[in-house]
């Protein structure tokens, strides 16, 4: 199902994190997990979905992604821990 989302994937707890935006969260996280597309997340092994936020429009999701990316790493970690203090992989929850 297509629905705009902002998400953060990580390679491990308190490890490297990547923030992204998509119109189809399940598909995009599958692509991260399988290493389908080249780039930062593939190079650093960011495969665990540790945080996400669903939005009504792609424009709002893109604005939120820019806001998160402009913040410090600490702000991103706080965001993750507010939703997912154990840093567990949330991908299975999407199915």
N, C-alpha and C. Protein backbone atom coordinates (compact mmCIF):
# COMPACT_ATOMS: atom_id res chain seq x y z
N UNK A 1 0.84 -1.18 0.00
CA UNK A 1 0.00 0.00 0.00
C UNK A 1 0.88 1.25 0.00
N UNK A 2 0.59 2.17 -0.89
CA UNK A 2 1.37 3.40 -0.96
C UNK A 2 0.87 4.41 0.06
N UNK A 3 1.80 4.83 0.90
CA UNK A 3 1.49 5.87 1.88
C UNK A 3 2.82 6.51 2.26
N UNK A 4 2.94 7.83 2.16
CA UNK A 4 4.21 8.49 2.46
C UNK A 4 4.69 8.23 3.89
N UNK A 5 6.00 8.05 4.01
CA UNK A 5 6.60 7.79 5.32
C UNK A 5 8.02 8.32 5.36
N UNK A 6 8.44 8.70 6.55
CA UNK A 6 9.83 9.03 6.85
C UNK A 6 10.31 7.90 7.74
N UNK A 7 11.56 7.47 7.56
CA UNK A 7 12.05 6.32 8.32
C UNK A 7 13.53 6.47 8.64
N UNK A 8 13.95 5.69 9.63
CA UNK A 8 15.37 5.59 9.96
C UNK A 8 15.73 4.11 10.01
N UNK A 9 16.80 3.76 9.30
CA UNK A 9 17.35 2.41 9.36
C UNK A 9 18.73 2.49 10.00
N UNK A 10 19.14 1.40 10.65
CA UNK A 10 20.44 1.36 11.33
C UNK A 10 21.11 0.02 11.06
N UNK A 11 22.43 -0.02 11.30
CA UNK A 11 23.15 -1.29 11.13
C UNK A 11 23.21 -2.08 12.44
N UNK A 12 23.00 -1.40 13.58
CA UNK A 12 22.95 -2.04 14.89
C UNK A 12 22.52 -1.00 15.90
N UNK A 13 22.28 -1.42 17.11
CA UNK A 13 21.91 -0.48 18.18
C UNK A 13 23.02 0.56 18.35
N UNK A 14 22.63 1.83 18.34
CA UNK A 14 23.56 2.95 18.47
C UNK A 14 24.63 2.96 17.39
N UNK A 15 24.36 2.32 16.26
CA UNK A 15 25.33 2.27 15.16
C UNK A 15 25.06 3.36 14.13
N UNK A 16 25.46 3.08 12.91
CA UNK A 16 25.26 4.00 11.80
C UNK A 16 23.77 4.06 11.47
N UNK A 17 23.27 5.27 11.23
CA UNK A 17 21.86 5.44 10.90
C UNK A 17 21.69 6.19 9.59
N UNK A 18 20.59 5.91 8.93
CA UNK A 18 20.24 6.56 7.67
C UNK A 18 18.78 6.97 7.74
N UNK A 19 18.49 8.21 7.36
CA UNK A 19 17.13 8.72 7.34
C UNK A 19 16.67 8.84 5.90
N UNK A 20 15.46 8.37 5.62
CA UNK A 20 14.94 8.43 4.26
C UNK A 20 13.45 8.72 4.23
N UNK A 21 12.94 8.88 3.01
CA UNK A 21 11.52 9.13 2.78
C UNK A 21 11.08 8.24 1.63
N UNK A 22 9.85 7.78 1.67
CA UNK A 22 9.34 6.88 0.64
C UNK A 22 7.83 6.98 0.54
N UNK A 23 7.30 6.53 -0.58
CA UNK A 23 5.84 6.45 -0.72
C UNK A 23 5.34 5.04 -0.43
N UNK A 24 6.27 4.11 -0.23
CA UNK A 24 5.89 2.70 0.01
C UNK A 24 6.90 2.10 1.00
N UNK A 25 6.61 2.23 2.28
CA UNK A 25 7.55 1.87 3.33
C UNK A 25 7.97 0.40 3.29
N UNK A 26 7.02 -0.50 3.16
CA UNK A 26 7.36 -1.93 3.18
C UNK A 26 8.34 -2.28 2.07
N UNK A 27 8.07 -1.78 0.86
CA UNK A 27 8.95 -2.07 -0.28
C UNK A 27 10.34 -1.47 -0.06
N UNK A 28 10.37 -0.23 0.40
CA UNK A 28 11.67 0.45 0.57
C UNK A 28 12.52 -0.23 1.63
N UNK A 29 11.94 -0.66 2.72
CA UNK A 29 12.72 -1.33 3.75
C UNK A 29 13.19 -2.69 3.25
N UNK A 30 12.37 -3.37 2.48
CA UNK A 30 12.81 -4.62 1.85
C UNK A 30 14.05 -4.36 0.98
N UNK A 31 14.04 -3.27 0.23
CA UNK A 31 15.19 -2.92 -0.61
C UNK A 31 16.44 -2.68 0.23
N UNK A 32 16.28 -2.02 1.37
CA UNK A 32 17.43 -1.81 2.28
C UNK A 32 17.93 -3.16 2.79
N UNK A 33 17.02 -4.00 3.23
CA UNK A 33 17.40 -5.30 3.80
C UNK A 33 18.13 -6.18 2.80
N UNK A 34 17.72 -6.12 1.54
CA UNK A 34 18.30 -6.97 0.50
C UNK A 34 19.48 -6.30 -0.20
N UNK A 35 19.75 -5.04 0.10
CA UNK A 35 20.87 -4.34 -0.53
C UNK A 35 20.67 -4.15 -2.02
N UNK A 36 19.43 -3.94 -2.43
CA UNK A 36 19.07 -3.83 -3.84
C UNK A 36 19.68 -2.60 -4.51
N UNK A 37 19.68 -1.48 -3.81
CA UNK A 37 20.14 -0.23 -4.39
C UNK A 37 21.48 0.20 -3.78
N UNK A 38 22.40 0.67 -4.63
CA UNK A 38 23.69 1.14 -4.10
C UNK A 38 23.51 2.44 -3.33
N UNK A 39 24.44 2.73 -2.45
CA UNK A 39 24.39 3.99 -1.72
C UNK A 39 24.86 3.84 -0.29
N UNK A 40 24.63 4.89 0.49
CA UNK A 40 25.10 4.96 1.87
C UNK A 40 24.62 3.79 2.72
N UNK A 41 23.31 3.53 2.67
CA UNK A 41 22.77 2.48 3.55
C UNK A 41 23.32 1.10 3.21
N UNK A 42 23.54 0.84 1.94
CA UNK A 42 24.13 -0.45 1.54
C UNK A 42 25.58 -0.55 1.99
N UNK A 43 26.34 0.52 1.76
CA UNK A 43 27.77 0.53 2.16
C UNK A 43 27.94 0.32 3.65
N UNK A 44 27.01 0.85 4.44
CA UNK A 44 27.15 0.80 5.90
C UNK A 44 26.28 -0.28 6.55
N UNK A 45 25.60 -1.07 5.75
CA UNK A 45 24.81 -2.18 6.29
C UNK A 45 23.59 -1.77 7.09
N UNK A 46 23.00 -0.63 6.75
CA UNK A 46 21.81 -0.15 7.46
C UNK A 46 20.59 -0.90 6.95
N UNK A 47 20.19 -1.95 7.67
CA UNK A 47 19.11 -2.82 7.23
C UNK A 47 17.96 -2.92 8.22
N UNK A 48 18.17 -2.44 9.44
CA UNK A 48 17.14 -2.55 10.49
C UNK A 48 16.27 -1.30 10.51
N UNK A 49 14.97 -1.46 10.36
CA UNK A 49 14.04 -0.35 10.50
C UNK A 49 13.87 -0.09 12.00
N UNK A 50 14.37 1.07 12.46
CA UNK A 50 14.31 1.35 13.90
C UNK A 50 13.34 2.48 14.26
N UNK A 51 12.86 3.21 13.26
CA UNK A 51 11.90 4.30 13.51
C UNK A 51 11.19 4.64 12.20
N UNK A 52 9.91 5.00 12.29
CA UNK A 52 9.21 5.51 11.12
C UNK A 52 8.01 6.35 11.55
N UNK A 53 7.56 7.16 10.61
CA UNK A 53 6.43 8.04 10.81
C UNK A 53 5.64 8.07 9.51
N UNK A 54 4.35 7.80 9.55
CA UNK A 54 3.50 7.84 8.37
C UNK A 54 2.92 9.25 8.20
N UNK A 55 2.71 9.66 6.94
CA UNK A 55 2.18 11.00 6.65
C UNK A 55 1.08 10.93 5.61
N UNK A 56 0.28 11.97 5.55
CA UNK A 56 -0.84 12.03 4.61
C UNK A 56 -0.39 12.40 3.19
N UNK A 57 0.64 13.24 3.09
CA UNK A 57 1.11 13.66 1.77
C UNK A 57 2.62 13.48 1.66
N UNK A 58 3.09 13.30 0.43
CA UNK A 58 4.53 13.17 0.19
C UNK A 58 5.24 14.49 0.51
N UNK A 59 4.59 15.60 0.22
CA UNK A 59 5.20 16.90 0.50
C UNK A 59 5.49 17.06 1.99
N UNK A 60 4.54 16.65 2.83
CA UNK A 60 4.75 16.75 4.27
C UNK A 60 5.85 15.80 4.72
N UNK A 61 5.88 14.59 4.16
CA UNK A 61 6.91 13.61 4.50
C UNK A 61 8.30 14.13 4.12
N UNK A 62 8.42 14.73 2.95
CA UNK A 62 9.71 15.27 2.51
C UNK A 62 10.16 16.40 3.44
N UNK A 63 9.22 17.26 3.82
CA UNK A 63 9.56 18.34 4.76
C UNK A 63 10.03 17.79 6.09
N UNK A 64 9.37 16.77 6.57
CA UNK A 64 9.76 16.14 7.85
C UNK A 64 11.13 15.48 7.74
N UNK A 65 11.39 14.81 6.61
CA UNK A 65 12.71 14.20 6.40
C UNK A 65 13.80 15.27 6.45
N UNK A 66 13.60 16.37 5.80
CA UNK A 66 14.59 17.47 5.80
C UNK A 66 14.80 18.00 7.21
N UNK A 67 13.72 18.11 7.97
CA UNK A 67 13.81 18.58 9.36
C UNK A 67 14.66 17.62 10.19
N UNK A 68 14.42 16.32 10.04
CA UNK A 68 15.16 15.32 10.80
C UNK A 68 16.62 15.29 10.38
N UNK A 69 16.87 15.32 9.07
CA UNK A 69 18.26 15.29 8.57
C UNK A 69 19.05 16.52 9.02
N UNK A 70 18.38 17.65 9.20
CA UNK A 70 19.06 18.87 9.63
C UNK A 70 19.44 18.82 11.11
N UNK A 71 18.82 17.92 11.85
CA UNK A 71 19.10 17.80 13.28
C UNK A 71 20.37 17.02 13.55
N UNK A 72 20.80 17.05 14.77
CA UNK A 72 22.01 16.34 15.18
C UNK A 72 21.77 14.84 15.27
N UNK A 73 22.85 14.09 15.32
CA UNK A 73 22.74 12.65 15.52
C UNK A 73 22.00 12.37 16.83
N UNK A 74 22.31 13.15 17.88
CA UNK A 74 21.66 12.95 19.17
C UNK A 74 20.15 13.09 19.07
N UNK A 75 19.69 14.07 18.29
CA UNK A 75 18.24 14.25 18.11
C UNK A 75 17.63 13.03 17.42
N UNK A 76 18.35 12.46 16.45
CA UNK A 76 17.86 11.26 15.76
C UNK A 76 17.80 10.08 16.71
N UNK A 77 18.83 9.92 17.53
CA UNK A 77 18.85 8.83 18.52
C UNK A 77 17.69 8.99 19.50
N UNK A 78 17.44 10.21 19.95
CA UNK A 78 16.31 10.46 20.86
C UNK A 78 14.98 10.11 20.20
N UNK A 79 14.85 10.43 18.92
CA UNK A 79 13.65 10.10 18.17
C UNK A 79 13.44 8.59 18.12
N UNK A 80 14.51 7.86 17.80
CA UNK A 80 14.46 6.39 17.77
C UNK A 80 14.06 5.86 19.13
N UNK A 81 14.74 6.31 20.17
CA UNK A 81 14.50 5.76 21.50
C UNK A 81 13.12 6.11 22.06
N UNK A 82 12.52 7.20 21.57
CA UNK A 82 11.17 7.54 22.02
C UNK A 82 10.14 6.54 21.50
N UNK A 83 10.39 5.96 20.34
CA UNK A 83 9.46 4.99 19.75
C UNK A 83 9.93 3.55 19.97
N UNK A 84 11.24 3.37 20.04
CA UNK A 84 11.80 2.03 20.00
C UNK A 84 13.05 1.96 20.90
N UNK A 85 12.88 2.02 22.21
CA UNK A 85 14.03 2.07 23.12
C UNK A 85 14.96 0.86 23.02
N UNK A 86 14.46 -0.25 22.55
CA UNK A 86 15.30 -1.45 22.42
C UNK A 86 16.00 -1.52 21.06
N UNK A 87 15.71 -0.59 20.18
CA UNK A 87 16.27 -0.58 18.82
C UNK A 87 15.97 -1.90 18.10
N UNK A 88 14.79 -2.46 18.32
CA UNK A 88 14.49 -3.70 17.62
C UNK A 88 14.08 -3.39 16.19
N UNK A 89 14.22 -4.36 15.32
CA UNK A 89 13.87 -4.20 13.91
C UNK A 89 12.34 -4.20 13.78
N UNK A 90 11.78 -3.11 13.33
CA UNK A 90 10.33 -2.94 13.23
C UNK A 90 9.76 -3.46 11.92
N UNK A 91 10.59 -3.97 11.05
CA UNK A 91 10.14 -4.42 9.73
C UNK A 91 9.03 -5.47 9.85
N UNK A 92 9.18 -6.41 10.75
CA UNK A 92 8.17 -7.47 10.90
C UNK A 92 6.82 -6.91 11.32
N UNK A 93 6.81 -5.78 12.01
CA UNK A 93 5.56 -5.16 12.44
C UNK A 93 4.76 -4.59 11.27
N UNK A 94 5.43 -4.35 10.15
CA UNK A 94 4.76 -3.76 9.00
C UNK A 94 3.89 -4.77 8.27
N UNK A 95 4.25 -6.04 8.34
CA UNK A 95 3.54 -7.07 7.58
C UNK A 95 2.18 -7.40 8.15
